[in-house]
Amino acid sequence: MRSGTQDRSGVVVTTVYIAFEVSYKEGTLKKDDHEIADIRFWDMAEVDESDEIIELSKEIVLTSWKTRNGLYRGDQIKTNHSYRIYNFYVSNQ
């Protein structure tokens, strides 16, 4: 999980990215268009190889998958974008 609050063209915008562990059985994923911008099922190999997933999110997902030991809040980092608030959670190794 990671989240950030930014000023975009005079509007405060908060984004939240959450990854869930699920087992795909069948059917199509559905989302609430008013609250969720995108939803997808990714196989772990696809996560590792994807150019669409930023490296921080990829590292959180892959390390959490490998250790299966929970998450904790990461230390402050410098990002490529200007955020009022930025939080992320990493694997408890």
C-alpha atoms as a PDB file:
ATOM      1  CA  MET A   1       0.000   0.000   0.000  1.00  0.00           C
ATOM      2  CA  ARG A   2       1.115   3.530  -0.712  1.00  0.00           C
ATOM      3  CA  SER A   3      -0.681   6.853  -0.644  1.00  0.00           C
ATOM      4  CA  GLY A   4       0.036  10.462  -1.468  1.00  0.00           C
ATOM      5  CA  THR A   5      -1.650  13.863  -1.310  1.00  0.00           C
ATOM      6  CA  GLN A   6      -0.760  16.445  -3.978  1.00  0.00           C
ATOM      7  CA  ASP A   7      -1.824  19.862  -5.238  1.00  0.00           C
ATOM      8  CA  ARG A   8      -2.874  19.521  -8.879  1.00  0.00           C
ATOM      9  CA  SER A   9      -3.983  22.690 -10.650  1.00  0.00           C
ATOM     10  CA  GLY A  10      -5.209  24.197  -7.370  1.00  0.00           C
ATOM     11  CA  VAL A  11      -7.073  21.050  -6.300  1.00  0.00           C
ATOM     12  CA  VAL A  12      -5.925  18.744  -3.501  1.00  0.00           C
ATOM     13  CA  VAL A  13      -5.835  15.152  -4.780  1.00  0.00           C
ATOM     14  CA  THR A  14      -5.192  12.034  -2.700  1.00  0.00           C
ATOM     15  CA  THR A  15      -4.203   8.763  -4.336  1.00  0.00           C
ATOM     16  CA  VAL A  16      -4.117   5.353  -2.680  1.00  0.00           C
ATOM     17  CA  TYR A  17      -2.633   2.223  -4.221  1.00  0.00           C
ATOM     18  CA  ILE A  18      -3.486  -1.083  -2.571  1.00  0.00           C
ATOM     19  CA  ALA A  19      -2.403  -4.581  -3.578  1.00  0.00           C
ATOM     20  CA  PHE A  20      -4.403  -7.576  -2.362  1.00  0.00           C
ATOM     21  CA  GLU A  21      -3.404 -11.210  -2.454  1.00  0.00           C
ATOM     22  CA  VAL A  22      -6.138 -13.195  -4.202  1.00  0.00           C
ATOM     23  CA  SER A  23      -6.533 -16.482  -6.013  1.00  0.00           C
ATOM     24  CA  TYR A  24      -8.101 -16.010  -9.426  1.00  0.00           C
ATOM     25  CA  LYS A  25     -10.910 -18.485 -10.023  1.00  0.00           C
ATOM     26  CA  GLU A  26     -13.065 -17.103 -12.838  1.00  0.00           C
ATOM     27  CA  GLY A  27     -15.015 -14.127 -14.068  1.00  0.00           C
ATOM     28  CA  THR A  28     -14.252 -10.460 -14.594  1.00  0.00           C
ATOM     29  CA  LEU A  29     -13.117  -7.958 -11.971  1.00  0.00           C
ATOM     30  CA  LYS A  30     -15.609  -5.123 -11.421  1.00  0.00           C
ATOM     31  CA  LYS A  31     -14.978  -1.754  -9.795  1.00  0.00           C
ATOM     32  CA  ASP A  32     -16.937   1.209  -8.531  1.00  0.00           C
ATOM     33  CA  ASP A  33     -16.191   3.869 -11.178  1.00  0.00           C
ATOM     34  CA  HIS A  34     -16.736   6.691  -8.659  1.00  0.00           C
ATOM     35  CA  GLU A  35     -14.050   5.465  -6.250  1.00  0.00           C
ATOM     36  CA  ILE A  36     -11.619   3.222  -8.149  1.00  0.00           C
ATOM     37  CA  ALA A  37      -9.578   4.309 -11.176  1.00  0.00           C
ATOM     38  CA  ASP A  38      -8.272   0.863 -12.146  1.00  0.00           C
ATOM     39  CA  ILE A  39      -8.409  -2.737 -10.971  1.00  0.00           C
ATOM     40  CA  ARG A  40      -6.490  -5.698 -12.373  1.00  0.00           C
ATOM     41  CA  PHE A  41      -5.388  -9.225 -11.580  1.00  0.00           C
ATOM     42  CA  TRP A  42      -1.627  -9.641 -11.960  1.00  0.00           C
ATOM     43  CA  ASP A  43       0.236 -12.937 -11.721  1.00  0.00           C
ATOM     44  CA  MET A  44       3.402 -12.496  -9.608  1.00  0.00           C
ATOM     45  CA  ALA A  45       5.616 -13.133 -12.653  1.00  0.00           C
ATOM     46  CA  GLU A  46       3.752 -10.345 -14.488  1.00  0.00           C
ATOM     47  CA  VAL A  47       4.344  -7.961 -11.554  1.00  0.00           C
ATOM     48  CA  ASP A  48       8.081  -8.653 -11.691  1.00  0.00           C
ATOM     49  CA  GLU A  49       8.263  -8.062 -15.458  1.00  0.00           C
ATOM     50  CA  SER A  50       5.834  -5.131 -15.755  1.00  0.00           C
ATOM     51  CA  ASP A  51       6.842  -1.677 -16.993  1.00  0.00           C
ATOM     52  CA  GLU A  52       3.444  -0.324 -15.822  1.00  0.00           C
ATOM     53  CA  ILE A  53       4.095  -0.805 -12.099  1.00  0.00           C
ATOM     54  CA  ILE A  54       6.463   1.694 -10.464  1.00  0.00           C
ATOM     55  CA  GLU A  55       9.506   0.182  -8.780  1.00  0.00           C
ATOM     56  CA  LEU A  56       8.442   1.036  -5.208  1.00  0.00           C
ATOM     57  CA  SER A  57       5.060  -0.687  -5.621  1.00  0.00           C
ATOM     58  CA  LYS A  58       6.742  -3.624  -7.340  1.00  0.00           C
ATOM     59  CA  GLU A  59       9.256  -3.995  -4.490  1.00  0.00           C
ATOM     60  CA  ILE A  60       6.503  -3.854  -1.844  1.00  0.00           C
ATOM     61  CA  VAL A  61       4.399  -6.501  -3.596  1.00  0.00           C
ATOM     62  CA  LEU A  62       7.247  -8.887  -4.441  1.00  0.00           C
ATOM     63  CA  THR A  63       8.952  -8.691  -1.034  1.00  0.00           C
ATOM     64  CA  SER A  64       5.650  -9.126   0.793  1.00  0.00           C
ATOM     65  CA  TRP A  65       4.895 -12.160  -1.366  1.00  0.00           C
ATOM     66  CA  LYS A  66       8.278 -13.727  -0.639  1.00  0.00           C
ATOM     67  CA  THR A  67       8.439 -13.070   3.126  1.00  0.00           C
ATOM     68  CA  ARG A  68       4.718 -13.336   4.037  1.00  0.00           C
ATOM     69  CA  ASN A  69       5.544 -11.498   7.252  1.00  0.00           C
ATOM     70  CA  GLY A  70       3.307  -8.416   7.231  1.00  0.00           C
ATOM     71  CA  LEU A  71       3.986  -4.747   6.484  1.00  0.00           C
ATOM     72  CA  TYR A  72       5.267  -1.699   8.360  1.00  0.00           C
ATOM     73  CA  ARG A  73       5.355   2.007   7.513  1.00  0.00           C
ATOM     74  CA  GLY A  74       8.469   2.960   5.535  1.00  0.00           C
ATOM     75  CA  ASP A  75      10.807   5.852   6.334  1.00  0.00           C
ATOM     76  CA  GLN A  76      10.363   9.192   4.544  1.00  0.00           C
ATOM     77  CA  ILE A  77      11.734   9.165   0.992  1.00  0.00           C
ATOM     78  CA  LYS A  78      12.209  11.751  -1.748  1.00  0.00           C
ATOM     79  CA  THR A  79       9.797  11.243  -4.647  1.00  0.00           C
ATOM     80  CA  ASN A  80       9.888  12.467  -8.250  1.00  0.00           C
ATOM     81  CA  HIS A  81       6.635  14.387  -7.691  1.00  0.00           C
ATOM     82  CA  SER A  82       5.630  17.044  -5.187  1.00  0.00           C
ATOM     83  CA  TYR A  83       3.428  15.616  -2.399  1.00  0.00           C
ATOM     84  CA  ARG A  84       1.965  17.256   0.696  1.00  0.00           C
ATOM     85  CA  ILE A  85       1.940  13.840   2.361  1.00  0.00           C
ATOM     86  CA  TYR A  86       3.403  10.549   1.115  1.00  0.00           C
ATOM     87  CA  ASN A  87       3.251   7.209   2.947  1.00  0.00           C
ATOM     88  CA  PHE A  88       4.178   3.695   1.951  1.00  0.00           C
ATOM     89  CA  TYR A  89       4.320   0.328   3.661  1.00  0.00           C
ATOM     90  CA  VAL A  90       7.038  -2.250   3.141  1.00  0.00           C
ATOM     91  CA  SER A  91       7.544  -5.868   4.003  1.00  0.00           C
ATOM     92  CA  ASN A  92       8.397  -6.737   7.608  1.00  0.00           C
ATOM     93  CA  GLN A  93      11.447  -8.846   6.775  1.00  0.00           C
END
